[in-house]
N, C-alpha and C. Protein backbone atom coordinates (compact mmCIF):
# COMPACT_ATOMS: atom_id res chain seq x y z
N MET A 1 170.14 165.52 68.42
CA MET A 1 170.14 165.08 69.81
C MET A 1 171.58 164.87 70.27
N THR A 2 171.91 165.39 71.41
CA THR A 2 173.23 165.21 71.98
C THR A 2 173.35 163.81 72.56
N LYS A 3 174.50 163.22 72.35
CA LYS A 3 174.75 161.88 72.88
C LYS A 3 175.47 161.99 74.21
N GLY A 4 175.22 161.02 75.08
CA GLY A 4 175.85 160.99 76.39
C GLY A 4 177.31 160.60 76.33
N GLN A 5 177.96 160.74 77.45
CA GLN A 5 179.36 160.36 77.60
C GLN A 5 179.47 158.84 77.58
N ARG A 6 180.41 158.31 76.82
CA ARG A 6 180.59 156.85 76.74
C ARG A 6 181.05 156.33 78.11
N ALA A 7 180.25 155.40 78.68
CA ALA A 7 180.58 154.81 79.97
C ALA A 7 181.43 153.55 79.81
N ASP A 8 181.24 152.84 78.69
CA ASP A 8 181.98 151.62 78.39
C ASP A 8 181.66 151.25 76.95
N ASP A 9 182.32 150.22 76.44
CA ASP A 9 182.09 149.82 75.06
C ASP A 9 181.04 148.74 74.89
N GLY A 10 180.89 147.89 75.88
CA GLY A 10 179.96 146.77 75.77
C GLY A 10 178.78 146.92 76.71
N PRO A 11 177.74 146.10 76.52
CA PRO A 11 176.59 146.15 77.41
C PRO A 11 176.88 145.54 78.77
N ILE A 12 176.02 145.84 79.75
CA ILE A 12 176.13 145.30 81.10
C ILE A 12 174.94 144.38 81.35
N SER A 13 175.23 143.16 81.81
CA SER A 13 174.21 142.17 82.10
C SER A 13 173.59 142.45 83.46
N VAL A 14 172.25 142.45 83.51
CA VAL A 14 171.53 142.70 84.76
C VAL A 14 170.35 141.73 84.84
N GLU A 15 170.17 141.13 86.00
CA GLU A 15 168.98 140.30 86.25
C GLU A 15 167.89 141.25 86.75
N VAL A 16 166.86 141.48 85.93
CA VAL A 16 165.78 142.39 86.30
C VAL A 16 164.64 141.59 86.92
N GLU A 17 163.88 142.24 87.81
CA GLU A 17 162.80 141.58 88.53
C GLU A 17 161.44 142.03 88.01
N GLN A 18 160.54 141.09 87.88
CA GLN A 18 159.19 141.36 87.39
C GLN A 18 158.54 142.49 88.16
N GLY A 19 157.96 143.45 87.43
CA GLY A 19 157.22 144.55 88.02
C GLY A 19 158.06 145.69 88.56
N LYS A 20 159.36 145.56 88.57
CA LYS A 20 160.24 146.59 89.10
C LYS A 20 160.60 147.61 88.01
N SER A 21 160.71 148.86 88.39
CA SER A 21 161.11 149.92 87.46
C SER A 21 162.60 150.18 87.59
N TYR A 22 163.23 150.40 86.46
CA TYR A 22 164.67 150.69 86.39
C TYR A 22 164.84 152.00 85.64
N TYR A 23 165.86 152.76 85.97
CA TYR A 23 166.10 154.05 85.34
C TYR A 23 167.49 154.05 84.74
N TRP A 24 167.52 153.88 83.42
CA TRP A 24 168.76 153.78 82.65
C TRP A 24 169.42 155.14 82.53
N CYS A 25 170.71 155.20 82.79
CA CYS A 25 171.50 156.43 82.68
C CYS A 25 171.68 156.78 81.21
N SER A 26 171.25 157.96 80.81
CA SER A 26 171.42 158.40 79.42
C SER A 26 172.60 159.35 79.26
N CYS A 27 173.11 159.91 80.36
CA CYS A 27 174.21 160.88 80.27
C CYS A 27 175.59 160.21 80.24
N GLY A 28 175.69 159.01 80.83
CA GLY A 28 176.96 158.29 80.87
C GLY A 28 177.83 158.63 82.07
N LYS A 29 177.38 159.53 82.93
CA LYS A 29 178.19 159.97 84.07
C LYS A 29 177.94 159.19 85.37
N SER A 30 176.90 158.39 85.40
CA SER A 30 176.54 157.66 86.61
C SER A 30 177.65 156.71 87.06
N SER A 31 177.87 156.63 88.35
CA SER A 31 178.83 155.67 88.90
C SER A 31 178.15 154.32 89.14
N LYS A 32 176.85 154.23 88.87
CA LYS A 32 176.08 153.00 89.07
C LYS A 32 175.59 152.45 87.73
N GLN A 33 176.43 152.48 86.71
CA GLN A 33 176.07 152.02 85.37
C GLN A 33 175.51 150.60 85.43
N PRO A 34 174.47 150.34 84.68
CA PRO A 34 173.89 151.15 83.62
C PRO A 34 172.77 152.08 84.10
N PHE A 35 172.61 152.18 85.42
CA PHE A 35 171.48 152.92 85.96
C PHE A 35 171.86 154.31 86.46
N CYS A 36 170.85 155.15 86.59
CA CYS A 36 171.02 156.55 86.98
C CYS A 36 171.36 156.69 88.46
N ASP A 37 172.27 157.60 88.76
CA ASP A 37 172.56 157.96 90.16
C ASP A 37 172.37 159.45 90.40
N GLY A 38 171.76 160.15 89.43
CA GLY A 38 171.51 161.58 89.57
C GLY A 38 172.61 162.47 89.02
N SER A 39 173.65 161.88 88.43
CA SER A 39 174.77 162.67 87.91
C SER A 39 174.40 163.59 86.76
N HIS A 40 173.23 163.38 86.17
CA HIS A 40 172.78 164.21 85.05
C HIS A 40 172.27 165.58 85.49
N LYS A 41 172.18 165.82 86.79
CA LYS A 41 171.66 167.09 87.30
C LYS A 41 172.38 168.25 86.62
N ASP A 42 171.63 169.24 86.23
CA ASP A 42 172.14 170.44 85.55
C ASP A 42 172.66 170.14 84.15
N THR A 43 172.17 169.07 83.52
CA THR A 43 172.50 168.76 82.13
C THR A 43 171.19 168.64 81.35
N GLU A 44 171.28 168.43 80.06
CA GLU A 44 170.09 168.23 79.23
C GLU A 44 169.57 166.80 79.28
N PHE A 45 170.24 165.92 79.99
CA PHE A 45 169.89 164.51 80.03
C PHE A 45 168.94 164.19 81.18
N SER A 46 168.18 163.12 80.99
CA SER A 46 167.34 162.59 82.07
C SER A 46 167.30 161.07 81.91
N PRO A 47 167.06 160.34 83.00
CA PRO A 47 167.06 158.89 82.92
C PRO A 47 165.89 158.38 82.08
N VAL A 48 166.06 157.19 81.53
CA VAL A 48 165.01 156.55 80.74
C VAL A 48 164.40 155.44 81.58
N ALA A 49 163.11 155.54 81.85
CA ALA A 49 162.42 154.55 82.69
C ALA A 49 162.15 153.27 81.91
N TYR A 50 162.31 152.15 82.58
CA TYR A 50 162.01 150.85 82.01
C TYR A 50 161.37 150.00 83.11
N LYS A 51 160.18 149.46 82.85
CA LYS A 51 159.52 148.56 83.81
C LYS A 51 159.44 147.19 83.17
N THR A 52 159.99 146.21 83.85
CA THR A 52 160.03 144.86 83.30
C THR A 52 158.76 144.09 83.62
N GLU A 53 158.34 143.28 82.67
CA GLU A 53 157.14 142.48 82.83
C GLU A 53 157.42 141.09 83.35
N GLU A 54 158.70 140.69 83.34
CA GLU A 54 159.06 139.37 83.87
C GLU A 54 160.50 139.40 84.38
N THR A 55 160.80 138.49 85.28
CA THR A 55 162.16 138.36 85.79
C THR A 55 163.00 137.67 84.72
N LYS A 56 164.11 138.30 84.33
CA LYS A 56 164.98 137.75 83.30
C LYS A 56 166.29 138.53 83.26
N LYS A 57 167.23 138.00 82.50
CA LYS A 57 168.51 138.68 82.31
C LYS A 57 168.41 139.57 81.08
N LEU A 58 168.82 140.82 81.25
CA LEU A 58 168.87 141.77 80.14
C LEU A 58 170.27 142.35 80.05
N PHE A 59 170.62 142.82 78.88
CA PHE A 59 171.88 143.52 78.66
C PHE A 59 171.56 144.97 78.36
N PHE A 60 172.02 145.88 79.22
CA PHE A 60 171.75 147.30 79.06
C PHE A 60 172.94 147.99 78.41
N CYS A 61 172.65 148.82 77.43
CA CYS A 61 173.66 149.59 76.71
C CYS A 61 174.34 150.59 77.65
N VAL A 62 175.65 150.71 77.54
CA VAL A 62 176.37 151.74 78.30
C VAL A 62 177.24 152.62 77.42
N CYS A 63 177.16 152.43 76.10
CA CYS A 63 177.95 153.29 75.21
C CYS A 63 177.32 154.68 75.09
N LYS A 64 176.00 154.79 75.30
CA LYS A 64 175.26 156.06 75.27
C LYS A 64 175.33 156.76 73.91
N GLN A 65 175.66 156.01 72.87
CA GLN A 65 175.84 156.61 71.55
C GLN A 65 174.69 156.33 70.59
N THR A 66 173.73 155.48 70.99
CA THR A 66 172.63 155.16 70.09
C THR A 66 171.63 156.31 70.05
N ILE A 67 171.19 156.64 68.87
CA ILE A 67 170.27 157.76 68.70
C ILE A 67 168.93 157.49 69.35
N SER A 68 168.45 156.26 69.27
CA SER A 68 167.14 155.93 69.81
C SER A 68 167.15 155.73 71.32
N HIS A 69 168.32 155.75 71.94
CA HIS A 69 168.46 155.47 73.37
C HIS A 69 167.81 154.15 73.74
N SER A 70 168.05 153.16 72.91
CA SER A 70 167.54 151.82 73.19
C SER A 70 168.19 151.34 74.49
N VAL A 71 167.37 151.08 75.47
CA VAL A 71 167.87 150.69 76.79
C VAL A 71 168.53 149.32 76.76
N MET A 72 167.86 148.36 76.14
CA MET A 72 168.37 146.99 76.12
C MET A 72 168.99 146.69 74.78
N THR A 73 170.06 145.96 74.81
CA THR A 73 170.68 145.55 73.56
C THR A 73 170.37 144.11 73.23
N HIS A 74 170.02 143.31 74.22
CA HIS A 74 169.81 141.89 73.97
C HIS A 74 169.10 141.25 75.15
N ILE A 75 168.24 140.30 74.86
CA ILE A 75 167.55 139.55 75.91
C ILE A 75 167.96 138.09 75.79
N THR A 76 168.28 137.46 76.92
CA THR A 76 168.66 136.04 76.90
C THR A 76 167.76 135.23 77.81
N ASN A 77 167.73 133.94 77.59
CA ASN A 77 167.02 133.03 78.48
C ASN A 77 167.88 132.74 79.69
N ASN A 78 167.25 132.39 80.78
CA ASN A 78 167.99 132.05 82.00
C ASN A 78 168.44 130.61 82.01
N ASN A 79 168.15 129.83 80.98
CA ASN A 79 168.52 128.42 80.94
C ASN A 79 169.98 128.23 80.65
């Protein structure tokens, strides 16, 4: 499997909303990291859909180097 372009070295913190779908950039070219902006057009990459079940803070990977394309690297409490 080809790996995407490295967008950054660390994860990006995002407050996700319950029931909302998010589309994680797998190519690394998006200007709206960690999410897709369509920059993958004409490549072998496509965004990875994630629908959250609750409102919370998540950390999304932006290195694009993980084989499993794990969208989230860590979940934290809002406390």
